[in-house]
PDB file of all heavy atoms in Angstrom:
ATOM      1  N   PRO A   1      20.140  23.338  58.450  1.00  0.00           N
ATOM      2  CA  PRO A   1      18.788  23.938  58.809  1.00  0.00           C
ATOM      3  C   PRO A   1      18.842  25.033  59.862  1.00  0.00           C
ATOM      4  O   PRO A   1      18.233  26.096  59.673  1.00  0.00           O
ATOM      5  CB  PRO A   1      17.943  22.793  59.296  1.00  0.00           C
ATOM      6  CG  PRO A   1      18.521  21.570  58.790  1.00  0.00           C
ATOM      7  CD  PRO A   1      20.024  21.869  58.697  1.00  0.00           C
ATOM      8  N   ALA A   2      19.487  24.731  60.992  1.00  0.00           N
ATOM      9  CA  ALA A   2      19.610  25.850  61.991  1.00  0.00           C
ATOM     10  C   ALA A   2      20.335  26.918  61.438  1.00  0.00           C
ATOM     11  O   ALA A   2      19.932  28.193  61.791  1.00  0.00           O
ATOM     12  CB  ALA A   2      20.286  25.171  63.237  1.00  0.00           C
ATOM     13  N   SER A   3      21.429  26.796  60.692  1.00  0.00           N
ATOM     14  CA  SER A   3      22.205  27.912  60.216  1.00  0.00           C
ATOM     15  C   SER A   3      21.280  28.635  59.231  1.00  0.00           C
ATOM     16  O   SER A   3      21.483  29.905  59.059  1.00  0.00           O
ATOM     17  CB  SER A   3      23.422  27.349  59.535  1.00  0.00           C
ATOM     18  OG  SER A   3      23.246  26.564  58.424  1.00  0.00           O
ATOM     19  N   LYS A   4      20.504  27.899  58.324  1.00  0.00           N
ATOM     20  CA  LYS A   4      19.686  28.608  57.502  1.00  0.00           C
ATOM     21  C   LYS A   4      18.670  29.450  58.195  1.00  0.00           C
ATOM     22  O   LYS A   4      18.469  30.672  57.815  1.00  0.00           O
ATOM     23  CB  LYS A   4      18.951  27.583  56.544  1.00  0.00           C
ATOM     24  CG  LYS A   4      19.832  26.941  55.410  1.00  0.00           C
ATOM     25  CD  LYS A   4      19.150  25.970  54.736  1.00  0.00           C
ATOM     26  CE  LYS A   4      19.963  25.281  53.677  1.00  0.00           C
ATOM     27  NZ  LYS A   4      19.253  24.301  52.865  1.00  0.00           N
ATOM     28  N   ASN A   5      18.134  28.935  59.169  1.00  0.00           N
ATOM     29  CA  ASN A   5      17.136  29.691  59.931  1.00  0.00           C
ATOM     30  C   ASN A   5      17.772  30.961  60.488  1.00  0.00           C
ATOM     31  O   ASN A   5      17.266  32.083  60.557  1.00  0.00           O
ATOM     32  CB  ASN A   5      16.536  28.929  60.967  1.00  0.00           C
ATOM     33  CG  ASN A   5      15.599  27.772  60.470  1.00  0.00           C
ATOM     34  OD1 ASN A   5      14.970  27.966  59.482  1.00  0.00           O
ATOM     35  ND2 ASN A   5      15.623  26.588  61.131  1.00  0.00           N
ATOM     36  N   VAL A   6      18.959  30.784  61.028  1.00  0.00           N
ATOM     37  CA  VAL A   6      19.717  31.979  61.622  1.00  0.00           C
ATOM     38  C   VAL A   6      19.938  32.954  60.568  1.00  0.00           C
ATOM     39  O   VAL A   6      19.871  34.108  60.688  1.00  0.00           O
ATOM     40  CB  VAL A   6      20.971  31.449  62.269  1.00  0.00           C
ATOM     41  CG1 VAL A   6      21.869  32.670  62.742  1.00  0.00           C
ATOM     42  CG2 VAL A   6      20.692  30.574  63.453  1.00  0.00           C
ATOM     43  N   ASN A   7      20.461  32.424  59.390  1.00  0.00           N
ATOM     44  CA  ASN A   7      20.830  33.276  58.248  1.00  0.00           C
ATOM     45  C   ASN A   7      19.486  34.146  57.864  1.00  0.00           C
ATOM     46  O   ASN A   7      19.532  35.232  57.487  1.00  0.00           O
ATOM     47  CB  ASN A   7      21.431  32.513  57.160  1.00  0.00           C
ATOM     48  CG  ASN A   7      22.765  32.113  57.474  1.00  0.00           C
ATOM     49  OD1 ASN A   7      23.499  32.695  58.196  1.00  0.00           O
ATOM     50  ND2 ASN A   7      23.159  30.779  56.945  1.00  0.00           N
ATOM     51  N   LYS A   8      18.361  33.330  57.708  1.00  0.00           N
ATOM     52  CA  LYS A   8      17.076  33.998  57.279  1.00  0.00           C
ATOM     53  C   LYS A   8      16.832  35.179  58.241  1.00  0.00           C
ATOM     54  O   LYS A   8      16.395  36.251  57.892  1.00  0.00           O
ATOM     55  CB  LYS A   8      15.997  32.873  57.197  1.00  0.00           C
ATOM     56  CG  LYS A   8      16.113  32.109  55.965  1.00  0.00           C
ATOM     57  CD  LYS A   8      15.039  30.984  55.838  1.00  0.00           C
ATOM     58  CE  LYS A   8      15.044  30.195  54.747  1.00  0.00           C
ATOM     59  NZ  LYS A   8      14.015  29.144  54.681  1.00  0.00           N
ATOM     60  N   LYS A   9      16.857  34.789  59.503  1.00  0.00           N
ATOM     61  CA  LYS A   9      16.490  35.774  60.466  1.00  0.00           C
ATOM     62  C   LYS A   9      17.405  37.019  60.403  1.00  0.00           C
ATOM     63  O   LYS A   9      16.974  38.165  60.439  1.00  0.00           O
ATOM     64  CB  LYS A   9      16.571  35.242  61.933  1.00  0.00           C
ATOM     65  CG  LYS A   9      15.568  34.154  62.170  1.00  0.00           C
ATOM     66  CD  LYS A   9      15.699  33.513  63.630  1.00  0.00           C
ATOM     67  CE  LYS A   9      14.526  32.600  63.884  1.00  0.00           C
ATOM     68  NZ  LYS A   9      14.724  31.938  65.226  1.00  0.00           N
ATOM     69  N   THR A  10      18.707  36.695  60.218  1.00  0.00           N
ATOM     70  CA  THR A  10      19.605  37.904  60.181  1.00  0.00           C
ATOM     71  C   THR A  10      19.428  38.688  58.937  1.00  0.00           C
ATOM     72  O   THR A  10      19.449  39.901  58.930  1.00  0.00           O
ATOM     73  CB  THR A  10      21.079  37.344  60.201  1.00  0.00           C
ATOM     74  OG1 THR A  10      21.237  36.256  59.094  1.00  0.00           O
ATOM     75  CG2 THR A  10      21.369  36.670  61.458  1.00  0.00           C
ATOM     76  N   THR A  11      19.123  38.005  57.770  1.00  0.00           N
ATOM     77  CA  THR A  11      18.752  38.659  56.519  1.00  0.00           C
ATOM     78  C   THR A  11      17.568  39.530  56.696  1.00  0.00           C
ATOM     79  O   THR A  11      17.452  40.731  56.253  1.00  0.00           O
ATOM     80  CB  THR A  11      18.647  37.733  55.351  1.00  0.00           C
ATOM     81  OG1 THR A  11      17.739  36.737  55.707  1.00  0.00           O
ATOM     82  CG2 THR A  11      19.990  37.112  54.998  1.00  0.00           C
ATOM     83  N   ARG A  12      16.487  38.928  57.277  1.00  0.00           N
ATOM     84  CA  ARG A  12      15.316  39.670  57.508  1.00  0.00           C
ATOM     85  C   ARG A  12      15.563  40.950  58.385  1.00  0.00           C
ATOM     86  O   ARG A  12      14.935  42.058  58.070  1.00  0.00           O
ATOM     87  CB  ARG A  12      14.236  38.781  58.175  1.00  0.00           C
ATOM     88  CG  ARG A  12      13.649  37.756  57.263  1.00  0.00           C
ATOM     89  CD  ARG A  12      12.739  36.851  58.007  1.00  0.00           C
ATOM     90  NE  ARG A  12      12.190  35.772  57.153  1.00  0.00           N
ATOM     91  CZ  ARG A  12      11.491  34.729  57.699  1.00  0.00           C
ATOM     92  NH1 ARG A  12      11.239  34.699  58.855  1.00  0.00           N
ATOM     93  NH2 ARG A  12      11.087  33.899  56.786  1.00  0.00           N
ATOM     94  N   VAL A  13      16.285  40.683  59.442  1.00  0.00           N
ATOM     95  CA  VAL A  13      16.483  41.867  60.306  1.00  0.00           C
ATOM     96  C   VAL A  13      17.324  42.916  59.635  1.00  0.00           C
ATOM     97  O   VAL A  13      17.034  44.128  59.678  1.00  0.00           O
ATOM     98  CB  VAL A  13      17.342  41.396  61.579  1.00  0.00           C
ATOM     99  CG1 VAL A  13      17.835  42.609  62.415  1.00  0.00           C
ATOM    100  CG2 VAL A  13      16.440  40.495  62.468  1.00  0.00           C
ATOM    101  N   SER A  14      18.321  42.522  58.782  1.00  0.00           N
ATOM    102  CA  SER A  14      19.154  43.461  57.955  1.00  0.00           C
ATOM    103  C   SER A  14      18.261  44.141  56.990  1.00  0.00           C
ATOM    104  O   SER A  14      18.514  45.346  56.774  1.00  0.00           O
ATOM    105  CB  SER A  14      20.298  42.690  57.354  1.00  0.00           C
ATOM    106  OG  SER A  14      19.799  41.771  56.353  1.00  0.00           O
ATOM    107  N   GLN A  15      17.419  43.409  56.323  1.00  0.00           N
ATOM    108  CA  GLN A  15      16.538  44.054  55.336  1.00  0.00           C
ATOM    109  C   GLN A  15      15.558  45.139  55.918  1.00  0.00           C
ATOM    110  O   GLN A  15      15.462  46.229  55.459  1.00  0.00           O
ATOM    111  CB  GLN A  15      15.671  42.901  54.714  1.00  0.00           C
ATOM    112  CG  GLN A  15      16.554  42.197  53.668  1.00  0.00           C
ATOM    113  CD  GLN A  15      15.626  41.065  53.002  1.00  0.00           C
ATOM    114  OE1 GLN A  15      14.475  40.873  53.341  1.00  0.00           O
ATOM    115  NE2 GLN A  15      16.216  40.243  52.172  1.00  0.00           N
ATOM    116  N   LYS A  16      15.004  44.777  57.124  1.00  0.00           N
ATOM    117  CA  LYS A  16      14.170  45.640  57.832  1.00  0.00           C
ATOM    118  C   LYS A  16      14.886  46.953  58.208  1.00  0.00           C
ATOM    119  O   LYS A  16      14.504  48.112  58.122  1.00  0.00           O
ATOM    120  CB  LYS A  16      13.571  45.106  59.031  1.00  0.00           C
ATOM    121  CG  LYS A  16      12.508  44.065  58.806  1.00  0.00           C
ATOM    122  CD  LYS A  16      11.960  43.414  60.039  1.00  0.00           C
ATOM    123  CE  LYS A  16      10.873  42.408  59.809  1.00  0.00           C
ATOM    124  NZ  LYS A  16      10.325  41.871  61.079  1.00  0.00           N
ATOM    125  N   LYS A  17      16.203  46.694  58.656  1.00  0.00           N
ATOM    126  CA  LYS A  17      16.996  47.923  59.084  1.00  0.00           C
ATOM    127  C   LYS A  17      17.312  48.805  57.856  1.00  0.00           C
ATOM    128  O   LYS A  17      17.237  49.944  57.881  1.00  0.00           O
ATOM    129  CB  LYS A  17      18.357  47.344  59.635  1.00  0.00           C
ATOM    130  CG  LYS A  17      18.227  46.910  61.110  1.00  0.00           C
ATOM    131  CD  LYS A  17      19.458  46.527  61.672  1.00  0.00           C
ATOM    132  CE  LYS A  17      19.346  46.059  63.052  1.00  0.00           C
ATOM    133  NZ  LYS A  17      20.624  45.614  63.611  1.00  0.00           N
ATOM    134  N   ASN A  18      17.607  48.069  56.735  1.00  0.00           N
ATOM    135  CA  ASN A  18      18.002  48.803  55.469  1.00  0.00           C
ATOM    136  C   ASN A  18      16.710  49.596  54.986  1.00  0.00           C
ATOM    137  O   ASN A  18      16.779  50.716  54.630  1.00  0.00           O
ATOM    138  CB  ASN A  18      18.374  47.864  54.302  1.00  0.00           C
ATOM    139  CG  ASN A  18      19.734  47.223  54.674  1.00  0.00           C
ATOM    140  OD1 ASN A  18      20.589  47.959  55.301  1.00  0.00           O
ATOM    141  ND2 ASN A  18      19.895  45.984  54.281  1.00  0.00           N
ATOM    142  N   LYS A  19      15.499  48.880  55.118  1.00  0.00           N
ATOM    143  CA  LYS A  19      14.306  49.631  54.728  1.00  0.00           C
ATOM    144  C   LYS A  19      14.015  50.857  55.584  1.00  0.00           C
ATOM    145  O   LYS A  19      13.628  51.974  55.091  1.00  0.00           O
ATOM    146  CB  LYS A  19      13.074  48.684  54.782  1.00  0.00           C
ATOM    147  CG  LYS A  19      13.021  47.711  53.639  1.00  0.00           C
ATOM    148  CD  LYS A  19      11.793  46.836  53.788  1.00  0.00           C
ATOM    149  CE  LYS A  19      11.644  45.883  52.709  1.00  0.00           C
ATOM    150  NZ  LYS A  19      10.500  44.903  52.773  1.00  0.00           N
ATOM    151  N   LYS A  20      14.240  50.676  56.918  1.00  0.00           N
ATOM    152  CA  LYS A  20      14.033  51.728  57.823  1.00  0.00           C
ATOM    153  C   LYS A  20      14.959  52.897  57.532  1.00  0.00           C
ATOM    154  O   LYS A  20      14.582  54.091  57.468  1.00  0.00           O
ATOM    155  CB  LYS A  20      14.264  51.346  59.230  1.00  0.00           C
ATOM    156  CG  LYS A  20      13.015  50.498  59.795  1.00  0.00           C
ATOM    157  CD  LYS A  20      13.393  50.072  61.195  1.00  0.00           C
ATOM    158  CE  LYS A  20      12.214  49.222  61.782  1.00  0.00           C
ATOM    159  NZ  LYS A  20      12.428  48.821  63.238  1.00  0.00           N
ATOM    160  N   GLN A  21      16.283  52.531  57.204  1.00  0.00           N
ATOM    161  CA  GLN A  21      17.260  53.570  56.916  1.00  0.00           C
ATOM    162  C   GLN A  21      16.888  54.332  55.552  1.00  0.00           C
ATOM    163  O   GLN A  21      17.003  55.474  55.502  1.00  0.00           O
ATOM    164  CB  GLN A  21      18.642  52.948  56.738  1.00  0.00           C
ATOM    165  CG  GLN A  21      19.134  52.428  58.163  1.00  0.00           C
ATOM    166  CD  GLN A  21      20.483  51.698  57.860  1.00  0.00           C
ATOM    167  OE1 GLN A  21      20.929  51.550  56.750  1.00  0.00           O
ATOM    168  NE2 GLN A  21      21.158  51.380  59.055  1.00  0.00           N
ATOM    169  N   THR A  22      16.416  53.492  54.506  1.00  0.00           N
ATOM    170  CA  THR A  22      16.056  54.163  53.371  1.00  0.00           C
ATOM    171  C   THR A  22      14.959  55.114  53.507  1.00  0.00           C
ATOM    172  O   THR A  22      14.736  56.090  52.852  1.00  0.00           O
ATOM    173  CB  THR A  22      15.765  53.113  52.323  1.00  0.00           C
ATOM    174  OG1 THR A  22      14.839  52.136  52.718  1.00  0.00           O
ATOM    175  CG2 THR A  22      17.071  52.319  51.918  1.00  0.00           C
ATOM    176  N   ASN A  23      13.880  54.529  54.223  1.00  0.00           N
ATOM    177  CA  ASN A  23      12.689  55.371  54.569  1.00  0.00           C
ATOM    178  C   ASN A  23      13.077  56.636  55.267  1.00  0.00           C
ATOM    179  O   ASN A  23      12.495  57.708  54.941  1.00  0.00           O
ATOM    180  CB  ASN A  23      11.645  54.562  55.369  1.00  0.00           C
ATOM    181  CG  ASN A  23      11.086  53.347  54.560  1.00  0.00           C
ATOM    182  OD1 ASN A  23      10.917  53.465  53.287  1.00  0.00           O
ATOM    183  ND2 ASN A  23      10.753  52.282  55.201  1.00  0.00           N
ATOM    184  N   THR A  24      13.892  56.495  56.266  1.00  0.00           N
ATOM    185  CA  THR A  24      14.290  57.787  57.022  1.00  0.00           C
ATOM    186  C   THR A  24      14.979  58.641  56.128  1.00  0.00           C
ATOM    187  O   THR A  24      14.858  59.904  56.196  1.00  0.00           O
ATOM    188  CB  THR A  24      15.223  57.359  58.198  1.00  0.00           C
ATOM    189  OG1 THR A  24      16.219  56.512  57.758  1.00  0.00           O
ATOM    190  CG2 THR A  24      14.457  56.538  59.304  1.00  0.00           C
TER     191      THR A  24
END
């Protein structure tokens, strides 16, 4: 569970970064 939460957080952060990069 902890690892999943960590993975979710990391994926969300990476998705946000990717979105920002694509938007830019």
